Amino acid sequence: MKYSYKFYRDHFDLLRIKLPDEIGLFSDFVEDIATEEEADEYIEYIEKVLNGSYDNFEIQLNATSAFIKKDMTILEHFFTSKEPNKNTIETEQFKELILIWKNKLPERFKD
């Protein structure tokens, strides 16, 4: 992963991910992924864009929307009060970020 990240537990003891400010909104997207199956579904969509099966694909979650194009993915946050409400990341890096989160999911709700 080209970007730095770290995992931490918030005041509710939930596992979270901290990303650099330039891609920070992507943390809200990945934290909404609750299961490994859901992560696999999104990875499959990304791979279809990367291999040209799809020109683009949009995944809309509770507070965010990821518009996936071959080179870049644009994330829009619907409810942030801070500007900017959009971040971009290379699509390959977006896929890697989801894989990192998927691998951490088994620890998400452990004591």
PDB file of N, CA and C in Angstrom:
ATOM      1  N   MET A   1       0.862  -1.177   0.000  1.00  0.00           N
ATOM      2  CA  MET A   1       0.000   0.000   0.000  1.00  0.00           C
ATOM      3  C   MET A   1       0.898   1.226   0.000  1.00  0.00           C
ATOM      4  N   LYS A   2       0.644   2.086  -0.922  1.00  0.00           N
ATOM      5  CA  LYS A   2       1.454   3.291  -1.080  1.00  0.00           C
ATOM      6  C   LYS A   2       1.168   4.328   0.015  1.00  0.00           C
ATOM      7  N   TYR A   3      -0.036   4.310   0.580  1.00  0.00           N
ATOM      8  CA  TYR A   3      -0.437   5.272   1.611  1.00  0.00           C
ATOM      9  C   TYR A   3      -0.246   4.660   2.995  1.00  0.00           C
ATOM     10  N   SER A   4       0.081   5.511   3.942  1.00  0.00           N
ATOM     11  CA  SER A   4       0.203   5.031   5.318  1.00  0.00           C
ATOM     12  C   SER A   4      -1.194   4.822   5.907  1.00  0.00           C
ATOM     13  N   TYR A   5      -1.282   3.944   6.855  1.00  0.00           N
ATOM     14  CA  TYR A   5      -2.542   3.700   7.557  1.00  0.00           C
ATOM     15  C   TYR A   5      -2.224   3.103   8.912  1.00  0.00           C
ATOM     16  N   LYS A   6      -3.157   3.233   9.823  1.00  0.00           N
ATOM     17  CA  LYS A   6      -3.020   2.552  11.111  1.00  0.00           C
ATOM     18  C   LYS A   6      -4.421   2.234  11.623  1.00  0.00           C
ATOM     19  N   PHE A   7      -4.493   1.153  12.354  1.00  0.00           N
ATOM     20  CA  PHE A   7      -5.746   0.746  12.969  1.00  0.00           C
ATOM     21  C   PHE A   7      -5.768   1.233  14.399  1.00  0.00           C
ATOM     22  N   TYR A   8      -6.956   1.554  14.878  1.00  0.00           N
ATOM     23  CA  TYR A   8      -7.115   1.974  16.270  1.00  0.00           C
ATOM     24  C   TYR A   8      -8.531   1.647  16.710  1.00  0.00           C
ATOM     25  N   ARG A   9      -8.751   1.708  17.990  1.00  0.00           N
ATOM     26  CA  ARG A   9     -10.092   1.504  18.541  1.00  0.00           C
ATOM     27  C   ARG A   9     -10.613   2.848  19.046  1.00  0.00           C
ATOM     28  N   ASP A  10     -11.858   3.157  18.674  1.00  0.00           N
ATOM     29  CA  ASP A  10     -12.447   4.426  19.112  1.00  0.00           C
ATOM     30  C   ASP A  10     -13.007   4.292  20.528  1.00  0.00           C
ATOM     31  N   HIS A  11     -13.687   5.327  20.993  1.00  0.00           N
ATOM     32  CA  HIS A  11     -14.205   5.327  22.368  1.00  0.00           C
ATOM     33  C   HIS A  11     -15.319   4.306  22.590  1.00  0.00           C
ATOM     34  N   PHE A  12     -15.871   3.721  21.507  1.00  0.00           N
ATOM     35  CA  PHE A  12     -16.842   2.634  21.621  1.00  0.00           C
ATOM     36  C   PHE A  12     -16.165   1.270  21.464  1.00  0.00           C
ATOM     37  N   ASP A  13     -14.838   1.278  21.386  1.00  0.00           N
ATOM     38  CA  ASP A  13     -14.010   0.086  21.212  1.00  0.00           C
ATOM     39  C   ASP A  13     -14.210  -0.578  19.853  1.00  0.00           C
ATOM     40  N   LEU A  14     -14.634   0.203  18.862  1.00  0.00           N
ATOM     41  CA  LEU A  14     -14.781  -0.314  17.502  1.00  0.00           C
ATOM     42  C   LEU A  14     -13.474  -0.113  16.744  1.00  0.00           C
ATOM     43  N   LEU A  15     -13.136  -1.088  15.923  1.00  0.00           N
ATOM     44  CA  LEU A  15     -11.933  -0.989  15.121  1.00  0.00           C
ATOM     45  C   LEU A  15     -12.128   0.028  14.014  1.00  0.00           C
ATOM     46  N   ARG A  16     -11.174   0.917  13.859  1.00  0.00           N
ATOM     47  CA  ARG A  16     -11.224   1.970  12.840  1.00  0.00           C
ATOM     48  C   ARG A  16      -9.906   1.987  12.087  1.00  0.00           C
ATOM     49  N   ILE A  17      -9.868   2.723  10.988  1.00  0.00           N
ATOM     50  CA  ILE A  17      -8.637   2.881  10.225  1.00  0.00           C
ATOM     51  C   ILE A  17      -8.381   4.370  10.008  1.00  0.00           C
ATOM     52  N   LYS A  18      -7.157   4.777  10.254  1.00  0.00           N
ATOM     53  CA  LYS A  18      -6.739   6.165  10.049  1.00  0.00           C
ATOM     54  C   LYS A  18      -5.915   6.226   8.778  1.00  0.00           C
ATOM     55  N   LEU A  19      -6.318   7.116   7.856  1.00  0.00           N
ATOM     56  CA  LEU A  19      -5.639   7.306   6.581  1.00  0.00           C
ATOM     57  C   LEU A  19      -5.137   8.741   6.488  1.00  0.00           C
ATOM     58  N   PRO A  20      -4.185   9.006   5.600  1.00  0.00           N
ATOM     59  CA  PRO A  20      -3.724  10.390   5.410  1.00  0.00           C
ATOM     60  C   PRO A  20      -4.879  11.301   4.985  1.00  0.00           C
ATOM     61  N   ASP A  21      -4.763  12.578   5.307  1.00  0.00           N
ATOM     62  CA  ASP A  21      -5.831  13.537   5.033  1.00  0.00           C
ATOM     63  C   ASP A  21      -6.287  13.523   3.575  1.00  0.00           C
ATOM     64  N   GLU A  22      -5.342  13.355   2.623  1.00  0.00           N
ATOM     65  CA  GLU A  22      -5.729  13.438   1.209  1.00  0.00           C
ATOM     66  C   GLU A  22      -6.642  12.298   0.768  1.00  0.00           C
ATOM     67  N   ILE A  23      -6.703  11.208   1.545  1.00  0.00           N
ATOM     68  CA  ILE A  23      -7.630  10.107   1.242  1.00  0.00           C
ATOM     69  C   ILE A  23      -8.462   9.738   2.466  1.00  0.00           C
ATOM     70  N   GLY A  24      -8.499  10.609   3.444  1.00  0.00           N
ATOM     71  CA  GLY A  24      -9.147  10.324   4.727  1.00  0.00           C
ATOM     72  C   GLY A  24     -10.606   9.915   4.641  1.00  0.00           C
ATOM     73  N   LEU A  25     -11.328  10.431   3.661  1.00  0.00           N
ATOM     74  CA  LEU A  25     -12.746  10.080   3.537  1.00  0.00           C
ATOM     75  C   LEU A  25     -12.949   8.604   3.204  1.00  0.00           C
ATOM     76  N   PHE A  26     -11.928   7.976   2.612  1.00  0.00           N
ATOM     77  CA  PHE A  26     -12.050   6.556   2.293  1.00  0.00           C
ATOM     78  C   PHE A  26     -12.163   5.693   3.542  1.00  0.00           C
ATOM     79  N   SER A  27     -11.723   6.201   4.683  1.00  0.00           N
ATOM     80  CA  SER A  27     -11.872   5.424   5.922  1.00  0.00           C
ATOM     81  C   SER A  27     -13.351   5.194   6.233  1.00  0.00           C
ATOM     82  N   ASP A  28     -14.194   6.195   6.008  1.00  0.00           N
ATOM     83  CA  ASP A  28     -15.627   6.026   6.255  1.00  0.00           C
ATOM     84  C   ASP A  28     -16.223   4.963   5.335  1.00  0.00           C
ATOM     85  N   PHE A  29     -15.734   4.900   4.109  1.00  0.00           N
ATOM     86  CA  PHE A  29     -16.225   3.893   3.179  1.00  0.00           C
ATOM     87  C   PHE A  29     -15.837   2.491   3.660  1.00  0.00           C
ATOM     88  N   VAL A  30     -14.552   2.258   3.899  1.00  0.00           N
ATOM     89  CA  VAL A  30     -14.130   0.898   4.253  1.00  0.00           C
ATOM     90  C   VAL A  30     -14.684   0.469   5.602  1.00  0.00           C
ATOM     91  N   GLU A  31     -14.842   1.394   6.526  1.00  0.00           N
ATOM     92  CA  GLU A  31     -15.385   1.035   7.838  1.00  0.00           C
ATOM     93  C   GLU A  31     -16.841   0.595   7.758  1.00  0.00           C
ATOM     94  N   ASP A  32     -17.532   0.936   6.678  1.00  0.00           N
ATOM     95  CA  ASP A  32     -18.906   0.459   6.475  1.00  0.00           C
ATOM     96  C   ASP A  32     -18.954  -0.975   5.948  1.00  0.00           C
ATOM     97  N   ILE A  33     -17.821  -1.516   5.546  1.00  0.00           N
ATOM     98  CA  ILE A  33     -17.778  -2.894   5.060  1.00  0.00           C
ATOM     99  C   ILE A  33     -17.732  -3.811   6.276  1.00  0.00           C
ATOM    100  N   ALA A  34     -18.789  -4.596   6.457  1.00  0.00           N
ATOM    101  CA  ALA A  34     -18.959  -5.366   7.689  1.00  0.00           C
ATOM    102  C   ALA A  34     -18.524  -6.821   7.587  1.00  0.00           C
ATOM    103  N   THR A  35     -18.469  -7.360   6.380  1.00  0.00           N
ATOM    104  CA  THR A  35     -18.152  -8.785   6.243  1.00  0.00           C
ATOM    105  C   THR A  35     -17.115  -9.007   5.145  1.00  0.00           C
ATOM    106  N   GLU A  36     -16.462 -10.134   5.220  1.00  0.00           N
ATOM    107  CA  GLU A  36     -15.495 -10.502   4.188  1.00  0.00           C
ATOM    108  C   GLU A  36     -16.202 -10.714   2.849  1.00  0.00           C
ATOM    109  N   GLU A  37     -17.420 -11.224   2.878  1.00  0.00           N
ATOM    110  CA  GLU A  37     -18.189 -11.430   1.649  1.00  0.00           C
ATOM    111  C   GLU A  37     -18.508 -10.104   0.969  1.00  0.00           C
ATOM    112  N   GLU A  38     -18.848  -9.105   1.756  1.00  0.00           N
ATOM    113  CA  GLU A  38     -19.118  -7.780   1.208  1.00  0.00           C
ATOM    114  C   GLU A  38     -17.845  -7.200   0.581  1.00  0.00           C
ATOM    115  N   ALA A  39     -16.722  -7.360   1.263  1.00  0.00           N
ATOM    116  CA  ALA A  39     -15.439  -6.890   0.722  1.00  0.00           C
ATOM    117  C   ALA A  39     -15.143  -7.596  -0.596  1.00  0.00           C
ATOM    118  N   ASP A  40     -15.355  -8.902  -0.648  1.00  0.00           N
ATOM    119  CA  ASP A  40     -15.118  -9.661  -1.881  1.00  0.00           C
ATOM    120  C   ASP A  40     -15.998  -9.167  -3.025  1.00  0.00           C
ATOM    121  N   GLU A  41     -17.241  -8.822  -2.716  1.00  0.00           N
ATOM    122  CA  GLU A  41     -18.153  -8.303  -3.740  1.00  0.00           C
ATOM    123  C   GLU A  41     -17.607  -7.002  -4.335  1.00  0.00           C
ATOM    124  N   TYR A  42     -17.144  -6.095  -3.483  1.00  0.00           N
ATOM    125  CA  TYR A  42     -16.618  -4.818  -3.967  1.00  0.00           C
ATOM    126  C   TYR A  42     -15.317  -5.008  -4.739  1.00  0.00           C
ATOM    127  N   ILE A  43     -14.475  -5.923  -4.271  1.00  0.00           N
ATOM    128  CA  ILE A  43     -13.232  -6.224  -4.983  1.00  0.00           C
ATOM    129  C   ILE A  43     -13.543  -6.760  -6.377  1.00  0.00           C
ATOM    130  N   GLU A  44     -14.564  -7.583  -6.481  1.00  0.00           N
ATOM    131  CA  GLU A  44     -14.963  -8.113  -7.788  1.00  0.00           C
ATOM    132  C   GLU A  44     -15.385  -6.988  -8.738  1.00  0.00           C
ATOM    133  N   TYR A  45     -16.152  -6.020  -8.234  1.00  0.00           N
ATOM    134  CA  TYR A  45     -16.543  -4.872  -9.065  1.00  0.00           C
ATOM    135  C   TYR A  45     -15.316  -4.091  -9.524  1.00  0.00           C
ATOM    136  N   ILE A  46     -14.390  -3.868  -8.604  1.00  0.00           N
ATOM    137  CA  ILE A  46     -13.166  -3.129  -8.940  1.00  0.00           C
ATOM    138  C   ILE A  46     -12.380  -3.876 -10.016  1.00  0.00           C
ATOM    139  N   GLU A  47     -12.247  -5.169  -9.848  1.00  0.00           N
ATOM    140  CA  GLU A  47     -11.511  -5.966 -10.837  1.00  0.00           C
ATOM    141  C   GLU A  47     -12.173  -5.909 -12.215  1.00  0.00           C
ATOM    142  N   LYS A  48     -13.502  -5.870 -12.249  1.00  0.00           N
ATOM    143  CA  LYS A  48     -14.200  -5.782 -13.533  1.00  0.00           C
ATOM    144  C   LYS A  48     -13.940  -4.442 -14.214  1.00  0.00           C
ATOM    145  N   VAL A  49     -13.786  -3.390 -13.433  1.00  0.00           N
ATOM    146  CA  VAL A  49     -13.421  -2.097 -14.017  1.00  0.00           C
ATOM    147  C   VAL A  49     -11.964  -2.141 -14.481  1.00  0.00           C
ATOM    148  N   LEU A  50     -11.095  -2.691 -13.660  1.00  0.00           N
ATOM    149  CA  LEU A  50      -9.676  -2.745 -14.008  1.00  0.00           C
ATOM    150  C   LEU A  50      -9.405  -3.583 -15.256  1.00  0.00           C
ATOM    151  N   ASN A  51     -10.161  -4.677 -15.425  1.00  0.00           N
ATOM    152  CA  ASN A  51      -9.911  -5.525 -16.594  1.00  0.00           C
ATOM    153  C   ASN A  51     -10.735  -5.127 -17.816  1.00  0.00           C
ATOM    154  N   GLY A  52     -11.529  -4.056 -17.695  1.00  0.00           N
ATOM    155  CA  GLY A  52     -12.265  -3.539 -18.838  1.00  0.00           C
ATOM    156  C   GLY A  52     -13.638  -4.142 -19.056  1.00  0.00           C
ATOM    157  N   SER A  53     -14.077  -5.052 -18.195  1.00  0.00           N
ATOM    158  CA  SER A  53     -15.429  -5.605 -18.321  1.00  0.00           C
ATOM    159  C   SER A  53     -16.484  -4.519 -18.113  1.00  0.00           C
ATOM    160  N   TYR A  54     -16.204  -3.593 -17.194  1.00  0.00           N
ATOM    161  CA  TYR A  54     -17.054  -2.427 -16.944  1.00  0.00           C
ATOM    162  C   TYR A  54     -16.223  -1.183 -17.252  1.00  0.00           C
ATOM    163  N   ASP A  55     -16.868  -0.160 -17.814  1.00  0.00           N
ATOM    164  CA  ASP A  55     -16.184   1.130 -18.005  1.00  0.00           C
ATOM    165  C   ASP A  55     -15.951   1.817 -16.664  1.00  0.00           C
ATOM    166  N   ASN A  56     -16.957   1.716 -15.800  1.00  0.00           N
ATOM    167  CA  ASN A  56     -16.899   2.284 -14.457  1.00  0.00           C
ATOM    168  C   ASN A  56     -17.951   1.588 -13.611  1.00  0.00           C
ATOM    169  N   PHE A  57     -17.933   1.866 -12.324  1.00  0.00           N
ATOM    170  CA  PHE A  57     -18.920   1.266 -11.425  1.00  0.00           C
ATOM    171  C   PHE A  57     -19.037   2.164 -10.207  1.00  0.00           C
ATOM    172  N   GLU A  58     -20.245   2.289  -9.682  1.00  0.00           N
ATOM    173  CA  GLU A  58     -20.460   3.097  -8.485  1.00  0.00           C
ATOM    174  C   GLU A  58     -21.008   2.224  -7.368  1.00  0.00           C
ATOM    175  N   ILE A  59     -20.392   2.364  -6.190  1.00  0.00           N
ATOM    176  CA  ILE A  59     -20.864   1.685  -4.988  1.00  0.00           C
ATOM    177  C   ILE A  59     -21.335   2.772  -4.026  1.00  0.00           C
ATOM    178  N   GLN A  60     -22.602   2.689  -3.631  1.00  0.00           N
ATOM    179  CA  GLN A  60     -23.146   3.691  -2.725  1.00  0.00           C
ATOM    180  C   GLN A  60     -23.467   3.028  -1.394  1.00  0.00           C
ATOM    181  N   LEU A  61     -22.846   3.541  -0.331  1.00  0.00           N
ATOM    182  CA  LEU A  61     -23.083   3.021   1.012  1.00  0.00           C
ATOM    183  C   LEU A  61     -23.848   4.058   1.820  1.00  0.00           C
ATOM    184  N   ASN A  62     -23.878   3.902   3.140  1.00  0.00           N
ATOM    185  CA  ASN A  62     -24.675   4.772   4.005  1.00  0.00           C
ATOM    186  C   ASN A  62     -24.361   6.260   3.828  1.00  0.00           C
ATOM    187  N   ALA A  63     -23.093   6.603   3.923  1.00  0.00           N
ATOM    188  CA  ALA A  63     -22.717   8.017   3.906  1.00  0.00           C
ATOM    189  C   ALA A  63     -21.798   8.376   2.758  1.00  0.00           C
ATOM    190  N   THR A  64     -21.408   7.381   1.971  1.00  0.00           N
ATOM    191  CA  THR A  64     -20.411   7.615   0.933  1.00  0.00           C
ATOM    192  C   THR A  64     -20.790   6.928  -0.371  1.00  0.00           C
ATOM    193  N   SER A  65     -20.166   7.415  -1.418  1.00  0.00           N
ATOM    194  CA  SER A  65     -20.314   6.811  -2.741  1.00  0.00           C
ATOM    195  C   SER A  65     -18.934   6.764  -3.379  1.00  0.00           C
ATOM    196  N   ALA A  66     -18.564   5.583  -3.910  1.00  0.00           N
ATOM    197  CA  ALA A  66     -17.282   5.424  -4.589  1.00  0.00           C
ATOM    198  C   ALA A  66     -17.556   5.226  -6.073  1.00  0.00           C
ATOM    199  N   PHE A  67     -17.053   6.143  -6.887  1.00  0.00           N
ATOM    200  CA  PHE A  67     -17.189   6.053  -8.336  1.00  0.00           C
ATOM    201  C   PHE A  67     -15.859   5.523  -8.869  1.00  0.00           C
ATOM    202  N   ILE A  68     -15.878   4.277  -9.329  1.00  0.00           N
ATOM    203  CA  ILE A  68     -14.665   3.566  -9.706  1.00  0.00           C
ATOM    204  C   ILE A  68     -14.456   3.671 -11.207  1.00  0.00           C
ATOM    205  N   LYS A  69     -13.309   4.219 -11.588  1.00  0.00           N
ATOM    206  CA  LYS A  69     -12.869   4.249 -12.980  1.00  0.00           C
ATOM    207  C   LYS A  69     -11.558   3.472 -13.051  1.00  0.00           C
ATOM    208  N   LYS A  70     -11.106   3.178 -14.250  1.00  0.00           N
ATOM    209  CA  LYS A  70      -9.932   2.318 -14.411  1.00  0.00           C
ATOM    210  C   LYS A  70      -8.705   2.844 -13.662  1.00  0.00           C
ATOM    211  N   ASP A  71      -8.438   4.127 -13.755  1.00  0.00           N
ATOM    212  CA  ASP A  71      -7.240   4.684 -13.125  1.00  0.00           C
ATOM    213  C   ASP A  71      -7.479   5.251 -11.734  1.00  0.00           C
ATOM    214  N   MET A  72      -8.616   5.909 -11.539  1.00  0.00           N
ATOM    215  CA  MET A  72      -8.882   6.599 -10.280  1.00  0.00           C
ATOM    216  C   MET A  72     -10.276   6.263  -9.753  1.00  0.00           C
ATOM    217  N   THR A  73     -10.389   6.310  -8.440  1.00  0.00           N
ATOM    218  CA  THR A  73     -11.683   6.162  -7.773  1.00  0.00           C
ATOM    219  C   THR A  73     -11.950   7.447  -7.011  1.00  0.00           C
ATOM    220  N   ILE A  74     -13.155   7.962  -7.188  1.00  0.00           N
ATOM    221  CA  ILE A  74     -13.559   9.213  -6.531  1.00  0.00           C
ATOM    222  C   ILE A  74     -14.567   8.866  -5.447  1.00  0.00           C
ATOM    223  N   LEU A  75     -14.277   9.284  -4.236  1.00  0.00           N
ATOM    224  CA  LEU A  75     -15.196   9.043  -3.123  1.00  0.00           C
ATOM    225  C   LEU A  75     -15.866  10.355  -2.749  1.00  0.00           C
ATOM    226  N   GLU A  76     -17.165  10.308  -2.646  1.00  0.00           N
ATOM    227  CA  GLU A  76     -17.924  11.475  -2.184  1.00  0.00           C
ATOM    228  C   GLU A  76     -18.576  11.122  -0.859  1.00  0.00           C
ATOM    229  N   HIS A  77     -18.420  12.019   0.112  1.00  0.00           N
ATOM    230  CA  HIS A  77     -19.031  11.846   1.433  1.00  0.00           C
ATOM    231  C   HIS A  77     -20.255  12.757   1.487  1.00  0.00           C
ATOM    232  N   PHE A  78     -21.413  12.186   1.765  1.00  0.00           N
ATOM    233  CA  PHE A  78     -22.662  12.948   1.721  1.00  0.00           C
ATOM    234  C   PHE A  78     -22.903  13.809   2.955  1.00  0.00           C
ATOM    235  N   PHE A  79     -22.304  13.457   4.083  1.00  0.00           N
ATOM    236  CA  PHE A  79     -22.676  14.115   5.332  1.00  0.00           C
ATOM    237  C   PHE A  79     -21.540  14.802   6.071  1.00  0.00           C
ATOM    238  N   THR A  80     -20.392  14.959   5.452  1.00  0.00           N
ATOM    239  CA  THR A  80     -19.297  15.618   6.148  1.00  0.00           C
ATOM    240  C   THR A  80     -19.532  17.127   6.189  1.00  0.00           C
ATOM    241  N   SER A  81     -19.153  17.721   7.292  1.00  0.00           N
ATOM    242  CA  SER A  81     -19.299  19.178   7.413  1.00  0.00           C
ATOM    243  C   SER A  81     -18.015  19.891   6.998  1.00  0.00           C
ATOM    244  N   LYS A  82     -16.945  19.102   6.814  1.00  0.00           N
ATOM    245  CA  LYS A  82     -15.658  19.674   6.417  1.00  0.00           C
ATOM    246  C   LYS A  82     -15.497  19.593   4.910  1.00  0.00           C
ATOM    247  N   GLU A  83     -14.781  20.544   4.365  1.00  0.00           N
ATOM    248  CA  GLU A  83     -14.404  20.502   2.953  1.00  0.00           C
ATOM    249  C   GLU A  83     -13.006  19.923   2.860  1.00  0.00           C
ATOM    250  N   PRO A  84     -12.659  19.221   1.857  1.00  0.00           N
ATOM    251  CA  PRO A  84     -13.511  18.832   0.742  1.00  0.00           C
ATOM    252  C   PRO A  84     -14.374  17.625   1.115  1.00  0.00           C
ATOM    253  N   ASN A  85     -15.448  17.441   0.367  1.00  0.00           N
ATOM    254  CA  ASN A  85     -16.295  16.275   0.606  1.00  0.00           C
ATOM    255  C   ASN A  85     -16.021  15.173  -0.420  1.00  0.00           C
ATOM    256  N   LYS A  86     -14.921  15.350  -1.192  1.00  0.00           N
ATOM    257  CA  LYS A  86     -14.502  14.340  -2.164  1.00  0.00           C
ATOM    258  C   LYS A  86     -13.001  14.090  -2.013  1.00  0.00           C
ATOM    259  N   ASN A  87     -12.617  12.836  -2.172  1.00  0.00           N
ATOM    260  CA  ASN A  87     -11.210  12.428  -2.228  1.00  0.00           C
ATOM    261  C   ASN A  87     -11.038  11.502  -3.415  1.00  0.00           C
ATOM    262  N   THR A  88      -9.823  11.416  -3.932  1.00  0.00           N
ATOM    263  CA  THR A  88      -9.529  10.464  -5.004  1.00  0.00           C
ATOM    264  C   THR A  88      -8.347   9.595  -4.604  1.00  0.00           C
ATOM    265  N   ILE A  89      -8.350   8.391  -5.138  1.00  0.00           N
ATOM    266  CA  ILE A  89      -7.270   7.441  -4.908  1.00  0.00           C
ATOM    267  C   ILE A  89      -7.127   6.601  -6.179  1.00  0.00           C
ATOM    268  N   GLU A  90      -5.925   6.125  -6.431  1.00  0.00           N
ATOM    269  CA  GLU A  90      -5.716   5.234  -7.559  1.00  0.00           C
ATOM    270  C   GLU A  90      -6.554   3.979  -7.336  1.00  0.00           C
ATOM    271  N   THR A  91      -7.195   3.489  -8.367  1.00  0.00           N
ATOM    272  CA  THR A  91      -8.112   2.355  -8.220  1.00  0.00           C
ATOM    273  C   THR A  91      -7.399   1.113  -7.690  1.00  0.00           C
ATOM    274  N   GLU A  92      -6.176   0.868  -8.132  1.00  0.00           N
ATOM    275  CA  GLU A  92      -5.412  -0.270  -7.587  1.00  0.00           C
ATOM    276  C   GLU A  92      -5.194  -0.106  -6.074  1.00  0.00           C
ATOM    277  N   GLN A  93      -4.945   1.128  -5.625  1.00  0.00           N
ATOM    278  CA  GLN A  93      -4.752   1.387  -4.198  1.00  0.00           C
ATOM    279  C   GLN A  93      -6.066   1.224  -3.429  1.00  0.00           C
ATOM    280  N   PHE A  94      -7.172   1.597  -4.063  1.00  0.00           N
ATOM    281  CA  PHE A  94      -8.491   1.413  -3.454  1.00  0.00           C
ATOM    282  C   PHE A  94      -8.750  -0.075  -3.227  1.00  0.00           C
ATOM    283  N   LYS A  95      -8.447  -0.870  -4.231  1.00  0.00           N
ATOM    284  CA  LYS A  95      -8.605  -2.324  -4.107  1.00  0.00           C
ATOM    285  C   LYS A  95      -7.731  -2.846  -2.964  1.00  0.00           C
ATOM    286  N   GLU A  96      -6.494  -2.392  -2.894  1.00  0.00           N
ATOM    287  CA  GLU A  96      -5.592  -2.837  -1.836  1.00  0.00           C
ATOM    288  C   GLU A  96      -6.099  -2.419  -0.455  1.00  0.00           C
ATOM    289  N   LEU A  97      -6.662  -1.218  -0.356  1.00  0.00           N
ATOM    290  CA  LEU A  97      -7.224  -0.749   0.907  1.00  0.00           C
ATOM    291  C   LEU A  97      -8.364  -1.655   1.375  1.00  0.00           C
ATOM    292  N   ILE A  98      -9.229  -2.044   0.464  1.00  0.00           N
ATOM    293  CA  ILE A  98     -10.328  -2.942   0.823  1.00  0.00           C
ATOM    294  C   ILE A  98      -9.784  -4.304   1.250  1.00  0.00           C
ATOM    295  N   LEU A  99      -8.746  -4.795   0.575  1.00  0.00           N
ATOM    296  CA  LEU A  99      -8.125  -6.069   0.972  1.00  0.00           C
ATOM    297  C   LEU A  99      -7.517  -5.975   2.376  1.00  0.00           C
ATOM    298  N   ILE A 100      -6.877  -4.856   2.682  1.00  0.00           N
ATOM    299  CA  ILE A 100      -6.302  -4.650   4.017  1.00  0.00           C
ATOM    300  C   ILE A 100      -7.403  -4.689   5.064  1.00  0.00           C
ATOM    301  N   TRP A 101      -8.507  -3.998   4.798  1.00  0.00           N
ATOM    302  CA  TRP A 101      -9.633  -3.982   5.739  1.00  0.00           C
ATOM    303  C   TRP A 101     -10.241  -5.375   5.873  1.00  0.00           C
ATOM    304  N   LYS A 102     -10.399  -6.064   4.751  1.00  0.00           N
ATOM    305  CA  LYS A 102     -10.960  -7.429   4.771  1.00  0.00           C
ATOM    306  C   LYS A 102     -10.128  -8.329   5.679  1.00  0.00           C
ATOM    307  N   ASN A 103      -8.821  -8.239   5.587  1.00  0.00           N
ATOM    308  CA  ASN A 103      -7.947  -9.080   6.414  1.00  0.00           C
ATOM    309  C   ASN A 103      -8.031  -8.737   7.893  1.00  0.00           C
ATOM    310  N   LYS A 104      -8.449  -7.522   8.205  1.00  0.00           N
ATOM    311  CA  LYS A 104      -8.556  -7.085   9.603  1.00  0.00           C
ATOM    312  C   LYS A 104      -9.952  -7.353  10.187  1.00  0.00           C
ATOM    313  N   LEU A 105     -10.936  -7.628   9.335  1.00  0.00           N
ATOM    314  CA  LEU A 105     -12.314  -7.816   9.798  1.00  0.00           C
ATOM    315  C   LEU A 105     -12.481  -8.854  10.909  1.00  0.00           C
ATOM    316  N   PRO A 106     -11.775  -9.972  10.888  1.00  0.00           N
ATOM    317  CA  PRO A 106     -11.965 -10.934  11.990  1.00  0.00           C
ATOM    318  C   PRO A 106     -11.668 -10.355  13.370  1.00  0.00           C
ATOM    319  N   GLU A 107     -10.851  -9.308  13.438  1.00  0.00           N
ATOM    320  CA  GLU A 107     -10.524  -8.675  14.708  1.00  0.00           C
ATOM    321  C   GLU A 107     -11.485  -7.553  15.088  1.00  0.00           C
ATOM    322  N   ARG A 108     -12.377  -7.225  14.200  1.00  0.00           N
ATOM    323  CA  ARG A 108     -13.197  -6.024  14.378  1.00  0.00           C
ATOM    324  C   ARG A 108     -13.991  -6.014  15.672  1.00  0.00           C
ATOM    325  N   PHE A 109     -14.591  -7.123  16.024  1.00  0.00           N
ATOM    326  CA  PHE A 109     -15.471  -7.146  17.192  1.00  0.00           C
ATOM    327  C   PHE A 109     -14.911  -7.971  18.348  1.00  0.00           C
ATOM    328  N   LYS A 110     -13.611  -8.287  18.297  1.00  0.00           N
ATOM    329  CA  LYS A 110     -12.999  -9.047  19.387  1.00  0.00           C
ATOM    330  C   LYS A 110     -12.795  -8.154  20.602  1.00  0.00           C
ATOM    331  N   ASP A 111     -12.837  -8.802  21.758  1.00  0.00           N
ATOM    332  CA  ASP A 111     -12.594  -8.070  23.008  1.00  0.00           C
ATOM    333  C   ASP A 111     -11.136  -7.765  23.177  1.00  0.00           C
TER     334      ASP A 111
END
